[in-house]
Amino acid sequence: MGVPDMWLHLLAYLFGGVFLANAIPHVVSGMMGKPFQSPFAKPPGEGLSSSTVNVVWGFANLAIGSLLVCRVGVFDLHNAAHVSALGLGAFMISLGLARRFGRFNGGNTPEQP
């Protein structure tokens, strides 16, 4: 594998981590029967979508993330670069969305007892 291929694979794993991490809150909220923000809400990304829409959106993210990790190159759990790229993607989207959705759900300024 040449250097350009390696970088493309790592980029695919980074975005695979983004999509896989983004699937979690949508699937969990949907399975709990709770509405959650999604790109299909009004306004997009701020309003709430139904639990059904969130399950579908979560599984779409899961499918895309799985394709990026499992079908691009040969992802190796023993390869630190592969795992780091996946983890970095998951961490970046998780931290960013925690800040973004925290403003709607009270997570950015939790009340003290």
Protein backbone atom coordinates (compact mmCIF):
# COMPACT_ATOMS: atom_id res chain seq x y z
CA MET A 1 0.00 0.00 0.00
CA GLY A 2 1.42 3.35 -1.03
CA VAL A 3 1.45 6.46 1.13
CA PRO A 4 -1.51 8.11 -0.68
CA ASP A 5 -3.59 4.94 -0.18
CA MET A 6 -2.67 4.84 3.50
CA TRP A 7 -3.87 8.43 4.03
CA LEU A 8 -7.10 7.76 2.16
CA HIS A 9 -7.73 4.68 4.30
CA LEU A 10 -7.03 6.61 7.51
CA LEU A 11 -9.37 9.37 6.36
CA ALA A 12 -12.07 6.77 5.66
CA TYR A 13 -11.56 5.32 9.17
CA LEU A 14 -11.74 8.80 10.70
CA PHE A 15 -15.09 9.46 9.00
CA GLY A 16 -16.18 5.91 9.81
CA GLY A 17 -15.69 6.79 13.48
CA VAL A 18 -17.73 9.97 12.97
CA PHE A 19 -20.67 8.08 11.46
CA LEU A 20 -20.51 5.20 13.96
CA ALA A 21 -20.48 7.55 16.96
CA ASN A 22 -23.27 9.65 15.47
CA ALA A 23 -25.44 6.54 15.14
CA ILE A 24 -25.50 5.97 18.91
CA PRO A 25 -27.66 8.86 20.18
CA HIS A 26 -30.12 8.52 17.30
CA VAL A 27 -30.66 4.78 17.71
CA VAL A 28 -30.79 4.95 21.52
CA SER A 29 -33.20 7.91 21.60
CA GLY A 30 -35.39 6.27 18.98
CA MET A 31 -35.43 2.94 20.78
CA MET A 32 -36.42 4.73 23.98
CA GLY A 33 -39.30 6.33 22.09
CA LYS A 34 -37.89 9.82 22.59
CA PRO A 35 -37.65 12.56 19.97
CA PHE A 36 -34.17 13.90 19.22
CA GLN A 37 -32.56 16.49 16.95
CA SER A 38 -31.84 15.33 13.42
CA PRO A 39 -31.10 16.85 10.02
CA PHE A 40 -34.74 16.19 9.05
CA ALA A 41 -36.27 18.34 11.82
CA LYS A 42 -37.44 21.92 11.42
CA PRO A 43 -35.13 23.76 11.74
CA PRO A 44 -32.62 21.11 10.64
CA GLY A 45 -30.36 19.94 13.46
CA GLU A 46 -32.23 22.00 16.05
CA GLY A 47 -35.83 20.83 16.05
CA LEU A 48 -36.89 17.40 17.20
CA SER A 49 -37.56 14.42 14.95
CA SER A 50 -39.72 11.45 15.86
CA SER A 51 -38.27 8.34 17.43
CA THR A 52 -38.89 6.45 14.17
CA VAL A 53 -36.98 9.00 12.09
CA ASN A 54 -34.09 8.79 14.58
CA VAL A 55 -33.89 5.00 14.39
CA VAL A 56 -33.80 5.16 10.58
CA TRP A 57 -31.20 7.97 10.62
CA GLY A 58 -29.13 6.13 13.22
CA PHE A 59 -29.07 2.93 11.17
CA ALA A 60 -28.16 4.91 8.04
CA ASN A 61 -25.17 6.33 9.98
CA LEU A 62 -24.31 2.82 11.17
CA ALA A 63 -24.37 1.50 7.60
CA ILE A 64 -22.21 4.33 6.24
CA GLY A 65 -19.72 4.05 9.10
CA SER A 66 -19.50 0.28 8.68
CA LEU A 67 -18.88 0.61 4.95
CA LEU A 68 -16.10 3.17 5.54
CA VAL A 69 -14.39 0.98 8.15
CA CYS A 70 -14.98 -2.49 6.74
CA ARG A 71 -14.86 -1.94 2.98
CA VAL A 72 -12.09 0.65 2.56
CA GLY A 73 -8.71 -0.97 2.86
CA VAL A 74 -8.26 -3.65 5.50
CA PHE A 75 -9.09 -2.24 8.94
CA ASP A 76 -6.88 -3.88 11.56
CA LEU A 77 -7.73 -3.60 15.27
CA HIS A 78 -4.05 -4.29 16.03
CA ASN A 79 -2.91 -1.32 13.94
CA ALA A 80 -2.56 1.75 16.16
CA ALA A 81 -3.00 4.16 13.24
CA HIS A 82 -6.27 2.53 12.17
CA VAL A 83 -7.72 2.47 15.68
CA SER A 84 -6.48 6.00 16.40
CA ALA A 85 -8.13 7.40 13.27
CA LEU A 86 -11.43 5.70 14.11
CA GLY A 87 -11.25 6.82 17.73
CA LEU A 88 -10.31 10.39 16.81
CA GLY A 89 -13.30 10.63 14.47
CA ALA A 90 -15.63 9.30 17.16
CA PHE A 91 -14.14 11.63 19.79
CA MET A 92 -14.33 14.74 17.59
CA ILE A 93 -17.99 14.27 16.64
CA SER A 94 -18.92 13.32 20.22
CA LEU A 95 -17.29 16.40 21.71
CA GLY A 96 -18.69 18.71 19.04
CA LEU A 97 -22.22 17.37 19.34
CA ALA A 98 -22.08 17.47 23.14
CA ARG A 99 -21.45 21.20 22.91
CA ARG A 100 -24.01 21.75 20.15
CA PHE A 101 -26.88 19.78 21.67
CA GLY A 102 -25.93 20.73 25.21
CA ARG A 103 -27.38 24.17 24.57
CA PHE A 104 -30.78 22.61 23.81
CA ASN A 105 -30.76 20.02 26.57
CA GLY A 106 -29.06 21.90 29.42
CA GLY A 107 -25.79 19.97 29.22
CA ASN A 108 -23.53 23.00 28.75
CA THR A 109 -24.58 24.64 32.02
CA PRO A 110 -25.74 21.91 34.41
CA GLU A 111 -27.52 23.06 37.54
CA GLN A 112 -25.66 22.60 40.81
CA PRO A 113 -27.54 20.94 43.70
